[in-house]
Amino acid sequence: MSDVLVFEARVSRKRLVTIPKAAAEKLGIREGSRVRIVVENNRIIIEPVRDAFWYALHGPKIGYVGFKELEEESLREQEKIENSS
């Protein structure tokens, strides 16, 4: 079974397009979300822009960083900042 949804939307006088609720919910697009608009040949592609916080919560898990490692990295970065002043 294909995972394709198709919608039609009207373009307003100011060239605004509303993303249908079902499409926005499926992709996790909410008020304030950022989207990328790609013009490819004769098509417009609108896709959500995922930030580091989204990937931390929903993205694939490829490793584990414990508190100890995080704290050590924080101390190294702080030392770099102090030494560069």
C-alpha atoms as a PDB file:
ATOM      1  CA  MET A   1       0.000   0.000   0.000  1.00  0.00           C
ATOM      2  CA  SER A   2       1.341   3.408  -0.975  1.00  0.00           C
ATOM      3  CA  ASP A   3       1.913   6.095   1.664  1.00  0.00           C
ATOM      4  CA  VAL A   4       0.782   8.920  -0.636  1.00  0.00           C
ATOM      5  CA  LEU A   5      -1.814  11.545   0.272  1.00  0.00           C
ATOM      6  CA  VAL A   6      -3.043  13.999  -2.352  1.00  0.00           C
ATOM      7  CA  PHE A   7      -4.697  17.341  -1.571  1.00  0.00           C
ATOM      8  CA  GLU A   8      -5.804  20.378  -3.517  1.00  0.00           C
ATOM      9  CA  ALA A   9      -5.548  23.876  -2.116  1.00  0.00           C
ATOM     10  CA  ARG A  10      -6.434  27.298  -3.434  1.00  0.00           C
ATOM     11  CA  VAL A  11      -3.837  30.052  -3.776  1.00  0.00           C
ATOM     12  CA  SER A  12      -4.945  33.340  -2.206  1.00  0.00           C
ATOM     13  CA  ARG A  13      -4.550  36.798  -3.723  1.00  0.00           C
ATOM     14  CA  LYS A  14      -1.298  37.182  -1.755  1.00  0.00           C
ATOM     15  CA  ARG A  15      -0.112  33.790  -3.103  1.00  0.00           C
ATOM     16  CA  LEU A  16      -0.592  32.066   0.253  1.00  0.00           C
ATOM     17  CA  VAL A  17      -1.429  28.363   0.402  1.00  0.00           C
ATOM     18  CA  THR A  18      -2.885  26.651   3.457  1.00  0.00           C
ATOM     19  CA  ILE A  19      -1.477  23.216   4.252  1.00  0.00           C
ATOM     20  CA  PRO A  20      -4.425  20.871   4.792  1.00  0.00           C
ATOM     21  CA  LYS A  21      -4.830  19.771   8.420  1.00  0.00           C
ATOM     22  CA  ALA A  22      -4.388  16.045   7.682  1.00  0.00           C
ATOM     23  CA  ALA A  23      -1.108  16.701   5.825  1.00  0.00           C
ATOM     24  CA  ALA A  24       0.231  19.005   8.551  1.00  0.00           C
ATOM     25  CA  GLU A  25      -0.643  16.512  11.290  1.00  0.00           C
ATOM     26  CA  LYS A  26       0.952  13.612   9.404  1.00  0.00           C
ATOM     27  CA  LEU A  27       4.219  15.562   9.079  1.00  0.00           C
ATOM     28  CA  GLY A  28       4.141  17.185  12.519  1.00  0.00           C
ATOM     29  CA  ILE A  29       3.842  20.706  11.120  1.00  0.00           C
ATOM     30  CA  ARG A  30       2.393  23.139  13.656  1.00  0.00           C
ATOM     31  CA  GLU A  31       2.049  26.892  13.943  1.00  0.00           C
ATOM     32  CA  GLY A  32       5.552  28.334  13.973  1.00  0.00           C
ATOM     33  CA  SER A  33       7.119  25.306  12.267  1.00  0.00           C
ATOM     34  CA  ARG A  34       9.608  25.984   9.492  1.00  0.00           C
ATOM     35  CA  VAL A  35       9.186  24.457   6.050  1.00  0.00           C
ATOM     36  CA  ARG A  36      11.507  24.251   3.056  1.00  0.00           C
ATOM     37  CA  ILE A  37      10.089  25.094  -0.368  1.00  0.00           C
ATOM     38  CA  VAL A  38      11.839  23.479  -3.306  1.00  0.00           C
ATOM     39  CA  VAL A  39      11.038  24.353  -6.926  1.00  0.00           C
ATOM     40  CA  GLU A  40      12.011  21.414  -9.108  1.00  0.00           C
ATOM     41  CA  ASN A  41      11.235  21.629 -12.813  1.00  0.00           C
ATOM     42  CA  ASN A  42       7.453  22.130 -12.859  1.00  0.00           C
ATOM     43  CA  ARG A  43       6.805  21.133  -9.212  1.00  0.00           C
ATOM     44  CA  ILE A  44       6.770  22.753  -5.796  1.00  0.00           C
ATOM     45  CA  ILE A  45       7.828  20.559  -2.890  1.00  0.00           C
ATOM     46  CA  ILE A  46       7.073  21.676   0.673  1.00  0.00           C
ATOM     47  CA  GLU A  47       8.806  19.733   3.424  1.00  0.00           C
ATOM     48  CA  PRO A  48       9.293  20.298   7.145  1.00  0.00           C
ATOM     49  CA  VAL A  49      12.657  21.588   8.345  1.00  0.00           C
ATOM     50  CA  ARG A  50      13.803  19.480  11.261  1.00  0.00           C
ATOM     51  CA  ASP A  51      16.077  21.011  13.888  1.00  0.00           C
ATOM     52  CA  ALA A  52      18.466  19.306  16.300  1.00  0.00           C
ATOM     53  CA  PHE A  53      15.831  19.224  19.040  1.00  0.00           C
ATOM     54  CA  TRP A  54      13.376  17.350  16.775  1.00  0.00           C
ATOM     55  CA  TYR A  55      16.051  14.831  15.796  1.00  0.00           C
ATOM     56  CA  ALA A  56      16.941  14.329  19.462  1.00  0.00           C
ATOM     57  CA  LEU A  57      13.333  13.421  20.211  1.00  0.00           C
ATOM     58  CA  HIS A  58      12.234  11.669  17.011  1.00  0.00           C
ATOM     59  CA  GLY A  59      15.289  10.897  14.907  1.00  0.00           C
ATOM     60  CA  PRO A  60      17.150   7.630  14.650  1.00  0.00           C
ATOM     61  CA  LYS A  61      19.278   6.783  17.664  1.00  0.00           C
ATOM     62  CA  ILE A  62      22.837   6.086  16.572  1.00  0.00           C
ATOM     63  CA  GLY A  63      24.663   6.368  19.852  1.00  0.00           C
ATOM     64  CA  TYR A  64      24.390   7.122  23.532  1.00  0.00           C
ATOM     65  CA  VAL A  65      26.090   9.927  25.382  1.00  0.00           C
ATOM     66  CA  GLY A  66      25.932   9.684  29.139  1.00  0.00           C
ATOM     67  CA  PHE A  67      25.933  12.549  31.600  1.00  0.00           C
ATOM     68  CA  LYS A  68      29.612  12.051  32.393  1.00  0.00           C
ATOM     69  CA  GLU A  69      30.658  12.357  28.729  1.00  0.00           C
ATOM     70  CA  LEU A  70      28.395  15.375  28.267  1.00  0.00           C
ATOM     71  CA  GLU A  71      29.847  17.115  31.310  1.00  0.00           C
ATOM     72  CA  GLU A  72      33.434  16.392  30.166  1.00  0.00           C
ATOM     73  CA  GLU A  73      32.685  17.869  26.725  1.00  0.00           C
ATOM     74  CA  SER A  74      31.117  20.926  28.330  1.00  0.00           C
ATOM     75  CA  LEU A  75      34.215  21.493  30.457  1.00  0.00           C
ATOM     76  CA  ARG A  76      36.511  21.143  27.407  1.00  0.00           C
ATOM     77  CA  GLU A  77      34.450  23.706  25.468  1.00  0.00           C
ATOM     78  CA  GLN A  78      34.430  26.128  28.402  1.00  0.00           C
ATOM     79  CA  GLU A  79      38.202  25.791  28.675  1.00  0.00           C
ATOM     80  CA  LYS A  80      38.588  26.595  24.973  1.00  0.00           C
ATOM     81  CA  ILE A  81      36.497  29.729  25.403  1.00  0.00           C
ATOM     82  CA  GLU A  82      38.476  30.845  28.451  1.00  0.00           C
ATOM     83  CA  ASN A  83      41.810  30.239  26.703  1.00  0.00           C
ATOM     84  CA  SER A  84      40.793  32.171  23.580  1.00  0.00           C
ATOM     85  CA  SER A  85      40.055  35.340  25.589  1.00  0.00           C
END
